[in-house]
Amino acid sequence: MLSTDTWVNFPNTHPLAAYLSSTVGFGNPLLTEADAVLAIDYDMHYASPPVTPNPKAKIIHLDIDIKKKGIPLWNMRPAIQLKADSRLAIPALTKIISKN
């Protein structure tokens, strides 16, 4: 999760959070080591954070707005583009993942 000091639905203190902080700068190097990045309702493709994902990482973009489909994130085209309402998709994905 990439967030700022203010968060709405994902705490920036979570171990998987990669956050931008006005006091400490960019946190959590996991983004540079990830083999996959799930971007959910990511509205600021033009304002990528200063740290980029691993060049071999697969970008998965889940969004309800089809106009954003395929827009590069970190100058990388998404490998997988999913048109979905995150309010419904996240619980469905959680259920699927929990079974494994």
Protein backbone atom coordinates (compact mmCIF):
# COMPACT_ATOMS: atom_id res chain seq x y z
CA MET A 1 0.00 0.00 0.00
CA LEU A 2 1.33 3.40 -0.92
CA SER A 3 -0.12 6.20 1.12
CA THR A 4 0.74 9.47 2.80
CA ASP A 5 0.68 10.50 6.47
CA THR A 6 -3.10 10.55 6.12
CA TRP A 7 -4.85 7.29 5.31
CA VAL A 8 -8.44 6.32 4.81
CA ASN A 9 -8.57 2.56 4.43
CA PHE A 10 -5.07 1.12 4.98
CA PRO A 11 -2.83 2.07 7.90
CA ASN A 12 0.56 3.46 6.91
CA THR A 13 1.98 1.64 9.96
CA HIS A 14 1.18 -1.77 8.39
CA PRO A 15 4.31 -3.83 7.55
CA LEU A 16 3.34 -3.87 3.85
CA ALA A 17 2.75 -0.13 3.67
CA ALA A 18 5.11 1.88 1.50
CA TYR A 19 4.35 5.42 2.47
CA LEU A 20 5.35 8.99 1.77
CA SER A 21 5.89 10.95 4.94
CA SER A 22 6.48 14.66 5.30
CA THR A 23 8.90 13.93 8.15
CA VAL A 24 10.84 10.82 7.07
CA GLY A 25 10.43 10.74 3.29
CA PHE A 26 9.71 7.51 1.43
CA GLY A 27 9.37 4.44 3.62
CA ASN A 28 9.55 0.68 3.20
CA PRO A 29 11.88 -0.65 0.48
CA LEU A 30 9.57 -3.61 -0.24
CA LEU A 31 8.37 -1.89 -3.41
CA THR A 32 11.83 -2.23 -4.97
CA GLU A 33 11.95 -5.95 -4.08
CA ALA A 34 8.38 -6.93 -5.01
CA ASP A 35 7.75 -9.31 -7.87
CA ALA A 36 4.16 -8.06 -8.21
CA VAL A 37 2.40 -4.81 -7.34
CA LEU A 38 -1.38 -4.61 -7.01
CA ALA A 39 -2.55 -1.06 -7.67
CA ILE A 40 -6.15 -0.57 -6.56
CA ASP A 41 -8.04 2.57 -7.60
CA TYR A 42 -4.74 4.32 -8.23
CA ASP A 43 -5.67 7.78 -9.44
CA MET A 44 -2.30 9.49 -9.57
CA HIS A 45 -0.39 7.55 -12.23
CA TYR A 46 1.34 10.79 -13.19
CA ALA A 47 2.69 11.28 -9.65
CA SER A 48 4.62 8.08 -9.09
CA PRO A 49 6.63 7.91 -5.87
CA PRO A 50 10.39 8.50 -5.99
CA VAL A 51 11.13 4.79 -5.55
CA THR A 52 10.18 2.48 -8.40
CA PRO A 53 9.27 -1.19 -8.29
CA ASN A 54 11.60 -3.93 -9.38
CA PRO A 55 11.79 -3.66 -13.22
CA LYS A 56 10.74 -7.34 -13.42
CA ALA A 57 7.69 -6.76 -11.21
CA LYS A 58 4.28 -7.40 -12.72
CA ILE A 59 1.93 -4.46 -12.24
CA ILE A 60 -1.70 -5.45 -11.67
CA HIS A 61 -4.14 -2.55 -11.92
CA LEU A 62 -7.66 -2.94 -10.53
CA ASP A 63 -9.98 -0.01 -11.15
CA ILE A 64 -13.59 0.68 -12.07
CA ASP A 65 -12.63 3.51 -14.45
CA ILE A 66 -11.87 2.00 -17.85
CA LYS A 67 -10.38 5.27 -19.07
CA LYS A 68 -7.36 4.58 -16.86
CA LYS A 69 -6.86 1.03 -18.14
CA GLY A 70 -3.35 0.56 -19.40
CA ILE A 71 -1.99 3.88 -18.20
CA PRO A 72 1.62 3.27 -17.16
CA LEU A 73 2.44 3.27 -13.46
CA TRP A 74 6.09 4.06 -12.74
CA ASN A 75 6.52 4.14 -16.54
CA MET A 76 5.55 0.46 -16.62
CA ARG A 77 2.42 -0.78 -18.39
CA PRO A 78 0.23 -3.01 -16.24
CA ALA A 79 0.66 -6.72 -16.99
CA ILE A 80 -2.92 -7.33 -15.86
CA GLN A 81 -5.76 -4.80 -16.04
CA LEU A 82 -8.96 -5.58 -14.17
CA LYS A 83 -12.12 -3.53 -14.50
CA ALA A 84 -13.80 -3.97 -11.13
CA ASP A 85 -15.41 -2.14 -8.24
CA SER A 86 -12.81 -2.46 -5.48
CA ARG A 87 -15.58 -2.46 -2.88
CA LEU A 88 -16.65 -5.84 -4.29
CA ALA A 89 -13.35 -7.10 -5.69
CA ILE A 90 -11.26 -6.86 -2.52
CA PRO A 91 -13.59 -9.06 -0.41
CA ALA A 92 -13.81 -11.54 -3.31
CA LEU A 93 -10.01 -11.67 -3.66
CA THR A 94 -9.61 -12.02 0.10
CA LYS A 95 -12.01 -14.98 0.08
CA ILE A 96 -10.11 -16.66 -2.76
CA ILE A 97 -6.72 -16.08 -1.12
CA SER A 98 -7.97 -17.31 2.25
CA LYS A 99 -8.86 -20.68 0.70
CA ASN A 100 -5.23 -21.31 -0.30
